[in-house]
Amino acid sequence: MTSTSSFAAQSADLELIMEFSKCAVANVSDNLDRLRGAVGLRPFHGSAPMVGRALTVKTAPGDNAYIHRALDLVQPGDVIVVDGAGHEDRALIGGIMMAIARKRGAAGFVLDGAIRDINEIAGGDFPVFARSVIHLGPYKNGPGAINVPVTVGGMLVHPGDIVLGDADGIVAIRPDEAPATLAATQAQARKEAEILASIEAGTYAGAYAK
């Protein structure tokens, strides 16, 4: 199943997305009431940050048929967000699928499941966030769905959400809440910079509750 109408309607604009690329995931999460974030997923590619629009995929356990279909739909700046239900007994992607996504302009992968070909992934800077690594390959039978709401690491992601990732983890922001969240996050970053400067100068005189 593939749906594209809601994705186009809800996608955030590029300028707003790029502003989030300057933000830390932890600060964004703080300004989403500290309630939102994918638990148990981590970067396997190193430390390069990631930001883009969510192209969502729901798979059957250990099956990547619909991830292949999503790669045919990917647009530059898309983050391919895969709800693999946390199954870790089969790898959902490896080096070849990563290379396809990168060539087609994707901003990264977020997978609630396992990956393989870790040397290829870890040796590059294309963002890949996942739960674990296993050498066993995937099934390719389906069923699945594309551009539907999915859950990764307990976090709900809608098609077109802004997805931000760094060494601390993953967070998703709805387009309608993005401007206010961005402004609050930027204000927090300025405040933290002032505090760090006062610590360095030896003038810091009060506790700061994060």
N, C-alpha and C. Protein backbone atom coordinates (compact mmCIF):
# COMPACT_ATOMS: atom_id res chain seq x y z
N MET A 1 0.86 -1.19 0.00
CA MET A 1 0.00 0.00 0.00
C MET A 1 0.89 1.24 0.00
N THR A 2 0.56 2.19 -0.87
CA THR A 2 1.32 3.43 -0.96
C THR A 2 0.38 4.60 -1.00
N SER A 3 0.60 5.60 -0.15
CA SER A 3 -0.21 6.81 -0.15
C SER A 3 0.72 8.00 -0.25
N THR A 4 0.43 8.96 -1.15
CA THR A 4 1.32 10.11 -1.33
C THR A 4 0.65 11.44 -1.08
N SER A 5 -0.68 11.51 -1.06
CA SER A 5 -1.36 12.80 -0.98
C SER A 5 -1.09 13.51 0.34
N SER A 6 -1.19 12.80 1.45
CA SER A 6 -0.97 13.43 2.75
C SER A 6 0.48 13.82 2.94
N PHE A 7 1.39 13.05 2.34
CA PHE A 7 2.81 13.34 2.46
C PHE A 7 3.13 14.72 1.88
N ALA A 8 2.64 14.99 0.67
CA ALA A 8 2.91 16.27 0.04
C ALA A 8 2.30 17.42 0.83
N ALA A 9 1.11 17.19 1.37
CA ALA A 9 0.40 18.26 2.07
C ALA A 9 1.07 18.62 3.38
N GLN A 10 1.72 17.65 4.03
CA GLN A 10 2.24 17.88 5.37
C GLN A 10 3.74 18.17 5.40
N SER A 11 4.42 18.06 4.28
CA SER A 11 5.86 18.24 4.28
C SER A 11 6.24 19.67 4.64
N ALA A 12 7.30 19.80 5.42
CA ALA A 12 7.80 21.11 5.80
C ALA A 12 8.67 21.67 4.67
N ASP A 13 8.83 22.99 4.63
CA ASP A 13 9.62 23.57 3.56
C ASP A 13 11.11 23.43 3.84
N LEU A 14 11.89 23.54 2.77
CA LEU A 14 13.32 23.25 2.86
C LEU A 14 14.05 24.21 3.79
N GLU A 15 13.69 25.48 3.76
CA GLU A 15 14.38 26.46 4.60
C GLU A 15 14.23 26.12 6.08
N LEU A 16 13.02 25.74 6.47
CA LEU A 16 12.78 25.36 7.86
C LEU A 16 13.56 24.11 8.22
N ILE A 17 13.57 23.14 7.33
CA ILE A 17 14.31 21.90 7.58
C ILE A 17 15.79 22.20 7.79
N MET A 18 16.35 23.06 6.95
CA MET A 18 17.78 23.35 7.06
C MET A 18 18.12 24.11 8.35
N GLU A 19 17.19 24.89 8.86
CA GLU A 19 17.42 25.54 10.16
C GLU A 19 17.53 24.50 11.26
N PHE A 20 16.74 23.44 11.17
CA PHE A 20 16.84 22.37 12.18
C PHE A 20 18.17 21.64 12.08
N SER A 21 18.83 21.68 10.92
CA SER A 21 20.11 20.99 10.79
C SER A 21 21.17 21.60 11.70
N LYS A 22 20.93 22.81 12.19
CA LYS A 22 21.87 23.48 13.10
C LYS A 22 21.56 23.19 14.57
N CYS A 23 20.51 22.42 14.82
CA CYS A 23 20.05 22.18 16.19
C CYS A 23 20.48 20.81 16.69
N ALA A 24 20.71 20.73 18.00
CA ALA A 24 21.01 19.45 18.64
C ALA A 24 19.72 18.71 18.96
N VAL A 25 19.74 17.40 18.74
CA VAL A 25 18.56 16.59 19.04
C VAL A 25 18.11 16.77 20.48
N ALA A 26 19.06 16.82 21.40
CA ALA A 26 18.70 16.95 22.83
C ALA A 26 17.93 18.25 23.09
N ASN A 27 18.34 19.33 22.45
CA ASN A 27 17.64 20.60 22.65
C ASN A 27 16.26 20.59 22.03
N VAL A 28 16.14 19.99 20.85
CA VAL A 28 14.81 19.87 20.23
C VAL A 28 13.90 19.05 21.12
N SER A 29 14.41 17.94 21.62
CA SER A 29 13.62 17.07 22.49
C SER A 29 13.17 17.82 23.74
N ASP A 30 14.06 18.63 24.32
CA ASP A 30 13.68 19.43 25.49
C ASP A 30 12.47 20.30 25.19
N ASN A 31 12.40 20.81 23.97
CA ASN A 31 11.33 21.73 23.61
C ASN A 31 10.12 21.05 23.00
N LEU A 32 10.11 19.73 23.07
CA LEU A 32 8.92 18.92 22.79
C LEU A 32 8.47 18.26 24.08
N ASP A 33 8.58 19.01 25.17
CA ASP A 33 8.17 18.57 26.51
C ASP A 33 8.96 17.36 27.00
N ARG A 34 10.12 17.10 26.38
CA ARG A 34 10.98 15.98 26.79
C ARG A 34 10.25 14.65 26.76
N LEU A 35 9.29 14.54 25.87
CA LEU A 35 8.46 13.34 25.82
C LEU A 35 8.69 12.53 24.54
N ARG A 36 9.37 13.11 23.58
CA ARG A 36 9.42 12.48 22.27
C ARG A 36 10.84 12.09 21.89
N GLY A 37 10.98 10.89 21.36
CA GLY A 37 12.28 10.42 20.89
C GLY A 37 12.24 8.93 20.67
N ALA A 38 13.07 8.45 19.76
CA ALA A 38 13.15 7.02 19.47
C ALA A 38 14.09 6.36 20.47
N VAL A 39 13.61 5.38 21.19
CA VAL A 39 14.40 4.69 22.21
C VAL A 39 15.01 3.42 21.61
N GLY A 40 16.30 3.24 21.82
CA GLY A 40 16.96 2.01 21.41
C GLY A 40 17.59 2.05 20.03
N LEU A 41 17.46 3.18 19.32
CA LEU A 41 18.10 3.31 18.01
C LEU A 41 19.35 4.17 18.16
N ARG A 42 20.39 3.83 17.42
CA ARG A 42 21.63 4.58 17.52
C ARG A 42 22.30 4.68 16.15
N PRO A 43 23.20 5.63 15.98
CA PRO A 43 23.89 5.76 14.70
C PRO A 43 24.94 4.67 14.51
N PHE A 44 24.98 4.12 13.30
CA PHE A 44 26.00 3.14 12.96
C PHE A 44 27.01 3.68 11.95
N HIS A 45 26.82 4.92 11.52
CA HIS A 45 27.66 5.50 10.46
C HIS A 45 28.74 6.42 11.00
N GLY A 46 28.78 6.66 12.26
CA GLY A 46 29.70 7.64 12.81
C GLY A 46 28.93 8.77 13.46
N SER A 47 29.39 9.99 13.27
CA SER A 47 28.78 11.10 14.00
C SER A 47 28.11 12.13 13.11
N ALA A 48 28.04 11.91 11.80
CA ALA A 48 27.42 12.89 10.92
C ALA A 48 25.95 13.08 11.27
N PRO A 49 25.50 14.33 11.43
CA PRO A 49 24.08 14.57 11.75
C PRO A 49 23.20 14.34 10.54
N MET A 50 21.90 14.28 10.78
CA MET A 50 20.94 13.99 9.73
C MET A 50 19.70 14.84 9.94
N VAL A 51 19.14 15.38 8.85
CA VAL A 51 17.86 16.05 8.91
C VAL A 51 17.19 15.92 7.56
N GLY A 52 15.87 15.75 7.57
CA GLY A 52 15.11 15.64 6.32
C GLY A 52 13.65 15.36 6.59
N ARG A 53 12.92 15.15 5.50
CA ARG A 53 11.49 14.84 5.57
C ARG A 53 11.30 13.33 5.66
N ALA A 54 10.33 12.89 6.42
CA ALA A 54 10.09 11.46 6.61
C ALA A 54 9.37 10.85 5.41
N LEU A 55 10.00 9.87 4.81
CA LEU A 55 9.36 8.94 3.88
C LEU A 55 9.19 7.66 4.66
N THR A 56 7.98 7.35 5.06
CA THR A 56 7.76 6.27 6.03
C THR A 56 7.46 4.94 5.34
N VAL A 57 7.93 3.88 6.00
CA VAL A 57 7.74 2.52 5.49
C VAL A 57 7.39 1.61 6.66
N LYS A 58 6.38 0.77 6.46
CA LYS A 58 6.05 -0.26 7.45
C LYS A 58 6.31 -1.61 6.81
N THR A 59 7.07 -2.45 7.48
CA THR A 59 7.45 -3.75 6.92
C THR A 59 6.88 -4.89 7.74
N ALA A 60 6.81 -6.05 7.10
CA ALA A 60 6.59 -7.28 7.85
C ALA A 60 7.89 -7.63 8.58
N PRO A 61 7.82 -8.40 9.66
CA PRO A 61 9.04 -8.71 10.41
C PRO A 61 10.13 -9.31 9.53
N GLY A 62 11.30 -8.67 9.55
CA GLY A 62 12.45 -9.19 8.82
C GLY A 62 12.34 -9.12 7.31
N ASP A 63 11.43 -8.31 6.78
CA ASP A 63 11.15 -8.28 5.34
C ASP A 63 11.42 -6.88 4.80
N ASN A 64 12.12 -6.76 3.67
CA ASN A 64 12.43 -5.43 3.15
C ASN A 64 11.83 -5.14 1.77
N ALA A 65 10.81 -5.91 1.36
CA ALA A 65 10.21 -5.69 0.04
C ALA A 65 9.73 -4.26 -0.12
N TYR A 66 9.11 -3.70 0.92
CA TYR A 66 8.56 -2.35 0.80
C TYR A 66 9.62 -1.27 0.98
N ILE A 67 10.75 -1.61 1.54
CA ILE A 67 11.85 -0.65 1.55
C ILE A 67 12.37 -0.48 0.13
N HIS A 68 12.48 -1.59 -0.61
CA HIS A 68 12.87 -1.50 -2.02
C HIS A 68 11.89 -0.63 -2.80
N ARG A 69 10.60 -0.79 -2.54
CA ARG A 69 9.61 0.04 -3.23
C ARG A 69 9.77 1.51 -2.86
N ALA A 70 10.07 1.77 -1.60
CA ALA A 70 10.25 3.15 -1.16
C ALA A 70 11.46 3.79 -1.85
N LEU A 71 12.50 3.01 -2.11
CA LEU A 71 13.67 3.55 -2.78
C LEU A 71 13.34 4.04 -4.19
N ASP A 72 12.30 3.49 -4.80
CA ASP A 72 11.86 3.96 -6.11
C ASP A 72 11.09 5.28 -6.02
N LEU A 73 10.67 5.65 -4.81
CA LEU A 73 9.89 6.87 -4.60
C LEU A 73 10.71 7.99 -3.96
N VAL A 74 11.88 7.67 -3.48
CA VAL A 74 12.64 8.63 -2.66
C VAL A 74 12.96 9.89 -3.44
N GLN A 75 12.84 11.02 -2.75
CA GLN A 75 13.18 12.33 -3.29
C GLN A 75 14.35 12.90 -2.50
N PRO A 76 15.14 13.78 -3.12
CA PRO A 76 16.26 14.38 -2.37
C PRO A 76 15.78 15.01 -1.07
N GLY A 77 16.49 14.69 0.02
CA GLY A 77 16.14 15.22 1.33
C GLY A 77 15.24 14.33 2.15
N ASP A 78 14.80 13.21 1.58
CA ASP A 78 13.95 12.29 2.35
C ASP A 78 14.78 11.47 3.34
N VAL A 79 14.27 11.30 4.53
CA VAL A 79 14.77 10.31 5.48
C VAL A 79 13.84 9.11 5.41
N ILE A 80 14.38 7.96 5.10
CA ILE A 80 13.58 6.74 4.98
C ILE A 80 13.43 6.15 6.37
N VAL A 81 12.21 6.26 6.91
CA VAL A 81 11.93 5.85 8.29
C VAL A 81 11.17 4.53 8.24
N VAL A 82 11.77 3.48 8.77
CA VAL A 82 11.25 2.12 8.61
C VAL A 82 10.80 1.54 9.94
N ASP A 83 9.52 1.21 10.00
CA ASP A 83 8.95 0.52 11.16
C ASP A 83 9.09 -0.97 10.93
N GLY A 84 10.16 -1.53 11.49
CA GLY A 84 10.39 -2.97 11.41
C GLY A 84 9.96 -3.69 12.67
N ALA A 85 9.17 -3.00 13.51
CA ALA A 85 8.61 -3.56 14.75
C ALA A 85 9.70 -4.03 15.71
N GLY A 86 10.92 -3.53 15.53
CA GLY A 86 11.98 -3.87 16.47
C GLY A 86 12.58 -5.24 16.29
N HIS A 87 12.20 -5.96 15.23
CA HIS A 87 12.74 -7.31 15.02
C HIS A 87 14.21 -7.23 14.63
N GLU A 88 15.02 -8.06 15.26
CA GLU A 88 16.46 -8.00 15.07
C GLU A 88 17.04 -9.29 14.51
N ASP A 89 16.19 -10.21 14.04
CA ASP A 89 16.70 -11.50 13.56
C ASP A 89 17.02 -11.51 12.07
N ARG A 90 16.68 -10.43 11.35
CA ARG A 90 17.01 -10.29 9.93
C ARG A 90 17.40 -8.85 9.65
N ALA A 91 18.43 -8.65 8.85
CA ALA A 91 18.84 -7.30 8.47
C ALA A 91 17.89 -6.75 7.41
N LEU A 92 17.43 -5.52 7.62
CA LEU A 92 16.50 -4.90 6.67
C LEU A 92 17.22 -4.20 5.53
N ILE A 93 18.41 -3.67 5.77
CA ILE A 93 19.21 -3.08 4.70
C ILE A 93 20.67 -3.44 4.91
N GLY A 94 21.45 -3.21 3.84
CA GLY A 94 22.89 -3.38 3.91
C GLY A 94 23.56 -2.35 3.01
N GLY A 95 24.76 -2.65 2.59
CA GLY A 95 25.54 -1.69 1.84
C GLY A 95 24.95 -1.29 0.51
N ILE A 96 24.34 -2.24 -0.20
CA ILE A 96 23.78 -1.93 -1.52
C ILE A 96 22.60 -0.98 -1.40
N MET A 97 21.68 -1.26 -0.48
CA MET A 97 20.53 -0.37 -0.32
C MET A 97 20.95 0.99 0.19
N MET A 98 21.97 1.04 1.02
CA MET A 98 22.49 2.32 1.46
C MET A 98 23.03 3.11 0.27
N ALA A 99 23.75 2.44 -0.63
CA ALA A 99 24.31 3.11 -1.79
C ALA A 99 23.21 3.64 -2.71
N ILE A 100 22.13 2.87 -2.87
CA ILE A 100 21.01 3.33 -3.70
C ILE A 100 20.39 4.58 -3.09
N ALA A 101 20.13 4.54 -1.79
CA ALA A 101 19.50 5.68 -1.11
C ALA A 101 20.38 6.93 -1.23
N ARG A 102 21.66 6.76 -1.03
CA ARG A 102 22.59 7.89 -1.13
C ARG A 102 22.60 8.46 -2.54
N LYS A 103 22.67 7.60 -3.55
CA LYS A 103 22.71 8.04 -4.94
C LYS A 103 21.45 8.81 -5.31
N ARG A 104 20.32 8.44 -4.74
CA ARG A 104 19.05 9.08 -5.08
C ARG A 104 18.76 10.31 -4.22
N GLY A 105 19.71 10.69 -3.39
CA GLY A 105 19.59 11.93 -2.66
C GLY A 105 18.92 11.84 -1.31
N ALA A 106 18.69 10.64 -0.80
CA ALA A 106 18.09 10.50 0.53
C ALA A 106 19.01 11.12 1.57
N ALA A 107 18.41 11.58 2.67
CA ALA A 107 19.18 12.18 3.75
C ALA A 107 19.64 11.16 4.78
N GLY A 108 19.06 9.95 4.74
CA GLY A 108 19.47 8.93 5.69
C GLY A 108 18.41 7.87 5.87
N PHE A 109 18.75 6.88 6.68
CA PHE A 109 17.85 5.79 7.08
C PHE A 109 17.64 5.84 8.59
N VAL A 110 16.41 5.58 9.01
CA VAL A 110 16.09 5.30 10.42
C VAL A 110 15.31 4.00 10.41
N LEU A 111 15.85 2.96 11.06
CA LEU A 111 15.22 1.64 11.00
C LEU A 111 15.01 1.09 12.40
N ASP A 112 13.77 0.75 12.72
CA ASP A 112 13.51 0.03 13.97
C ASP A 112 13.66 -1.45 13.67
N GLY A 113 14.91 -1.85 13.53
CA GLY A 113 15.27 -3.21 13.17
C GLY A 113 16.77 -3.28 13.01
N ALA A 114 17.24 -4.32 12.33
CA ALA A 114 18.67 -4.57 12.21
C ALA A 114 19.18 -4.22 10.81
N ILE A 115 20.49 -4.07 10.72
CA ILE A 115 21.18 -3.82 9.47
C ILE A 115 22.34 -4.80 9.34
N ARG A 116 22.98 -4.81 8.16
CA ARG A 116 24.21 -5.59 8.00
C ARG A 116 25.18 -4.81 7.12
N ASP A 117 26.31 -5.44 6.76
CA ASP A 117 27.39 -4.77 6.02
C ASP A 117 27.89 -3.56 6.82
N ILE A 118 28.12 -3.80 8.09
CA ILE A 118 28.44 -2.71 9.00
C ILE A 118 29.75 -2.01 8.64
N ASN A 119 30.71 -2.73 8.06
CA ASN A 119 31.96 -2.06 7.70
C ASN A 119 31.74 -1.00 6.63
N GLU A 120 30.85 -1.29 5.67
CA GLU A 120 30.54 -0.30 4.64
C GLU A 120 29.81 0.90 5.23
N ILE A 121 28.87 0.63 6.11
CA ILE A 121 28.07 1.71 6.70
C ILE A 121 28.92 2.55 7.65
N ALA A 122 29.68 1.88 8.51
CA ALA A 122 30.49 2.61 9.49
C ALA A 122 31.63 3.37 8.82
N GLY A 123 32.05 2.92 7.65
CA GLY A 123 33.16 3.57 6.97
C GLY A 123 32.77 4.80 6.18
N GLY A 124 31.47 5.11 6.12
CA GLY A 124 31.01 6.28 5.37
C GLY A 124 30.32 7.28 6.26
N ASP A 125 29.78 8.33 5.62
CA ASP A 125 29.10 9.38 6.38
C ASP A 125 27.62 9.46 6.05
N PHE A 126 27.08 8.45 5.34
CA PHE A 126 25.64 8.45 5.06
C PHE A 126 24.91 7.99 6.31
N PRO A 127 24.00 8.82 6.86
CA PRO A 127 23.40 8.50 8.14
C PRO A 127 22.54 7.23 8.12
N VAL A 128 22.84 6.32 9.02
CA VAL A 128 22.05 5.10 9.20
C VAL A 128 21.87 4.89 10.70
N PHE A 129 20.64 5.01 11.16
CA PHE A 129 20.28 4.76 12.56
C PHE A 129 19.47 3.47 12.60
N ALA A 130 19.82 2.58 13.51
CA ALA A 130 19.14 1.29 13.60
C ALA A 130 19.25 0.75 15.01
N ARG A 131 18.71 -0.45 15.18
CA ARG A 131 18.69 -1.07 16.51
C ARG A 131 19.90 -1.98 16.73
N SER A 132 20.32 -2.73 15.69
CA SER A 132 21.40 -3.69 15.88
C SER A 132 21.94 -4.13 14.53
N VAL A 133 22.92 -5.02 14.58
CA VAL A 133 23.56 -5.58 13.38
C VAL A 133 23.43 -7.09 13.40
N ILE A 134 23.11 -7.67 12.24
CA ILE A 134 23.08 -9.12 12.10
C ILE A 134 23.38 -9.46 10.65
N HIS A 135 24.06 -10.57 10.43
CA HIS A 135 24.44 -10.94 9.05
C HIS A 135 23.31 -11.57 8.26
N LEU A 136 22.29 -12.11 8.93
CA LEU A 136 21.22 -12.81 8.23
C LEU A 136 20.40 -11.85 7.39
N GLY A 137 20.18 -12.21 6.13
CA GLY A 137 19.48 -11.34 5.19
C GLY A 137 17.97 -11.38 5.34
N PRO A 138 17.27 -10.43 4.69
CA PRO A 138 15.83 -10.26 4.85
C PRO A 138 15.00 -11.16 3.95
N TYR A 139 13.74 -11.32 4.33
CA TYR A 139 12.74 -11.85 3.42
C TYR A 139 12.34 -10.74 2.45
N LYS A 140 11.69 -11.10 1.36
CA LYS A 140 11.30 -10.12 0.34
C LYS A 140 9.90 -10.42 -0.18
N ASN A 141 8.99 -10.67 0.73
CA ASN A 141 7.65 -11.10 0.36
C ASN A 141 6.55 -10.11 0.68
N GLY A 142 6.82 -9.11 1.55
CA GLY A 142 5.75 -8.26 2.04
C GLY A 142 4.97 -9.00 3.12
N PRO A 143 3.83 -8.44 3.53
CA PRO A 143 3.24 -7.18 3.07
C PRO A 143 3.96 -5.97 3.68
N GLY A 144 3.43 -4.79 3.38
CA GLY A 144 3.99 -3.58 3.92
C GLY A 144 3.19 -2.37 3.48
N ALA A 145 3.66 -1.18 3.81
CA ALA A 145 2.97 0.05 3.44
C ALA A 145 3.98 1.18 3.39
N ILE A 146 3.69 2.18 2.56
CA ILE A 146 4.56 3.34 2.38
C ILE A 146 3.75 4.61 2.60
N ASN A 147 4.37 5.59 3.24
CA ASN A 147 3.73 6.88 3.54
C ASN A 147 2.46 6.72 4.37
N VAL A 148 2.62 5.97 5.46
CA VAL A 148 1.59 5.83 6.49
C VAL A 148 2.25 6.15 7.83
N PRO A 149 1.48 6.49 8.85
CA PRO A 149 2.09 6.68 10.17
C PRO A 149 2.79 5.42 10.64
N VAL A 150 4.00 5.57 11.20
CA VAL A 150 4.77 4.44 11.68
C VAL A 150 5.30 4.75 13.08
N THR A 151 5.78 3.72 13.74
CA THR A 151 6.40 3.87 15.05
C THR A 151 7.81 3.30 14.99
N VAL A 152 8.79 4.08 15.42
CA VAL A 152 10.17 3.61 15.50
C VAL A 152 10.70 3.91 16.90
N GLY A 153 11.15 2.89 17.58
CA GLY A 153 11.64 3.08 18.93
C GLY A 153 10.62 3.71 19.86
N GLY A 154 9.33 3.41 19.62
CA GLY A 154 8.26 3.96 20.44
C GLY A 154 7.83 5.36 20.06
N MET A 155 8.42 5.95 19.03
CA MET A 155 8.09 7.31 18.60
C MET A 155 7.24 7.27 17.34
N LEU A 156 6.12 7.97 17.36
CA LEU A 156 5.25 8.06 16.20
C LEU A 156 5.84 9.03 15.17
N VAL A 157 5.86 8.61 13.91
CA VAL A 157 6.35 9.45 12.82
C VAL A 157 5.32 9.43 11.70
N HIS A 158 4.93 10.63 11.25
CA HIS A 158 4.01 10.75 10.13
C HIS A 158 4.78 11.08 8.86
N PRO A 159 4.25 10.72 7.69
CA PRO A 159 4.89 11.14 6.44
C PRO A 159 5.05 12.65 6.40
N GLY A 160 6.22 13.12 6.01
CA GLY A 160 6.47 14.55 5.92
C GLY A 160 6.94 15.20 7.20
N ASP A 161 6.97 14.47 8.32
CA ASP A 161 7.56 15.02 9.54
C ASP A 161 9.04 15.35 9.30
N ILE A 162 9.53 16.33 10.04
CA ILE A 162 10.97 16.61 10.03
C ILE A 162 11.63 15.62 10.98
N VAL A 163 12.62 14.90 10.48
CA VAL A 163 13.33 13.91 11.28
C VAL A 163 14.76 14.37 11.46
N LEU A 164 15.17 14.46 12.70
CA LEU A 164 16.49 14.97 13.05
C LEU A 164 17.24 13.89 13.82
N GLY A 165 18.50 13.67 13.45
CA GLY A 165 19.30 12.67 14.14
C GLY A 165 20.73 13.14 14.36
N ASP A 166 21.30 12.79 15.51
CA ASP A 166 22.72 13.02 15.77
C ASP A 166 23.21 11.93 16.71
N ALA A 167 24.37 12.12 17.30
CA ALA A 167 24.95 11.09 18.15
C ALA A 167 24.09 10.75 19.36
N ASP A 168 23.19 11.67 19.74
CA ASP A 168 22.31 11.43 20.89
C ASP A 168 21.07 10.63 20.53
N GLY A 169 20.70 10.57 19.25
CA GLY A 169 19.52 9.81 18.88
C GLY A 169 18.67 10.50 17.83
N ILE A 170 17.36 10.18 17.85
CA ILE A 170 16.42 10.59 16.80
C ILE A 170 15.22 11.28 17.42
N VAL A 171 14.74 12.34 16.75
CA VAL A 171 13.50 12.98 17.15
C VAL A 171 12.76 13.39 15.88
N ALA A 172 11.42 13.41 15.95
CA ALA A 172 10.58 13.82 14.81
C ALA A 172 9.71 15.00 15.22
N ILE A 173 9.56 15.95 14.29
CA ILE A 173 8.79 17.16 14.54
C ILE A 173 7.72 17.29 13.48
N ARG A 174 6.48 17.52 13.88
CA ARG A 174 5.41 17.72 12.91
C ARG A 174 5.56 19.08 12.23
N PRO A 175 5.23 19.19 10.95
CA PRO A 175 5.37 20.49 10.27
C PRO A 175 4.60 21.61 10.95
N ASP A 176 3.42 21.33 11.52
CA ASP A 176 2.63 22.40 12.12
C ASP A 176 3.24 22.93 13.41
N GLU A 177 4.06 22.13 14.08
CA GLU A 177 4.69 22.57 15.33
C GLU A 177 6.13 23.02 15.11
N ALA A 178 6.62 22.87 13.90
CA ALA A 178 8.04 23.10 13.65
C ALA A 178 8.48 24.54 13.89
N PRO A 179 7.76 25.58 13.40
CA PRO A 179 8.25 26.95 13.63
C PRO A 179 8.42 27.30 15.11
N ALA A 180 7.43 26.97 15.92
CA ALA A 180 7.53 27.28 17.34
C ALA A 180 8.62 26.46 18.02
N THR A 181 8.74 25.20 17.63
CA THR A 181 9.78 24.35 18.22
C THR A 181 11.16 24.86 17.85
N LEU A 182 11.32 25.29 16.61
CA LEU A 182 12.60 25.82 16.18
C LEU A 182 12.97 27.07 16.97
N ALA A 183 12.03 27.99 17.11
CA ALA A 183 12.31 29.24 17.84
C ALA A 183 12.70 28.95 19.28
N ALA A 184 11.98 28.04 19.94
CA ALA A 184 12.29 27.70 21.33
C ALA A 184 13.64 27.02 21.44
N THR A 185 13.96 26.16 20.48
CA THR A 185 15.25 25.46 20.49
C THR A 185 16.40 26.43 20.28
N GLN A 186 16.23 27.36 19.37
CA GLN A 186 17.27 28.36 19.14
C GLN A 186 17.48 29.24 20.37
N ALA A 187 16.40 29.60 21.05
CA ALA A 187 16.53 30.39 22.27
C ALA A 187 17.28 29.61 23.35
N GLN A 188 16.99 28.32 23.47
CA GLN A 188 17.69 27.50 24.45
C GLN A 188 19.17 27.41 24.12
N ALA A 189 19.50 27.25 22.84
CA ALA A 189 20.91 27.16 22.44
C ALA A 189 21.65 28.45 22.78
N ARG A 190 21.01 29.60 22.57
CA ARG A 190 21.65 30.88 22.93
C ARG A 190 21.88 30.96 24.44
N LYS A 191 20.89 30.53 25.21
CA LYS A 191 21.02 30.58 26.67
C LYS A 191 22.16 29.67 27.14
N GLU A 192 22.24 28.48 26.55
CA GLU A 192 23.29 27.55 26.94
C GLU A 192 24.67 28.09 26.55
N ALA A 193 24.76 28.77 25.41
CA ALA A 193 26.03 29.36 25.01
C ALA A 193 26.46 30.44 26.00
N GLU A 194 25.51 31.21 26.48
CA GLU A 194 25.82 32.25 27.47
C GLU A 194 26.31 31.61 28.77
N ILE A 195 25.68 30.53 29.17
CA ILE A 195 26.09 29.85 30.41
C ILE A 195 27.49 29.28 30.27
N LEU A 196 27.78 28.65 29.14
CA LEU A 196 29.12 28.10 28.93
C LEU A 196 30.17 29.20 28.92
N ALA A 197 29.82 30.33 28.32
CA ALA A 197 30.76 31.45 28.32
C ALA A 197 31.01 31.96 29.73
N SER A 198 29.97 32.01 30.56
CA SER A 198 30.15 32.48 31.94
C SER A 198 30.96 31.48 32.75
N ILE A 199 30.81 30.19 32.47
CA ILE A 199 31.63 29.19 33.16
C ILE A 199 33.09 29.38 32.80
N GLU A 200 33.34 29.59 31.51
CA GLU A 200 34.72 29.77 31.04
C GLU A 200 35.33 31.04 31.65
N ALA A 201 34.51 32.08 31.80
CA ALA A 201 35.00 33.35 32.34
C ALA A 201 35.09 33.36 33.86
N GLY A 202 34.56 32.31 34.49
CA GLY A 202 34.58 32.25 35.94
C GLY A 202 33.52 33.10 36.60
N THR A 203 32.49 33.45 35.86
CA THR A 203 31.44 34.33 36.43
C THR A 203 30.12 33.59 36.64
N TYR A 204 30.09 32.30 36.36
CA TYR A 204 28.86 31.54 36.52
C TYR A 204 28.50 31.46 37.99
N ALA A 205 27.25 31.86 38.31
CA ALA A 205 26.91 31.98 39.74
C ALA A 205 25.61 31.27 40.11
N GLY A 206 25.02 30.54 39.19
CA GLY A 206 23.76 29.92 39.54
C GLY A 206 23.55 28.59 38.85
N ALA A 207 22.70 27.79 39.44
CA ALA A 207 22.39 26.47 38.85
C ALA A 207 21.52 26.69 37.62
N TYR A 208 21.65 25.76 36.67
CA TYR A 208 20.84 25.81 35.45
C TYR A 208 20.16 24.47 35.30
N ALA A 209 18.84 24.46 35.40
CA ALA A 209 18.10 23.21 35.29
C ALA A 209 17.79 22.93 33.83
N LYS A 210 18.36 21.87 33.29
CA LYS A 210 18.12 21.52 31.88
C LYS A 210 16.77 20.84 31.74
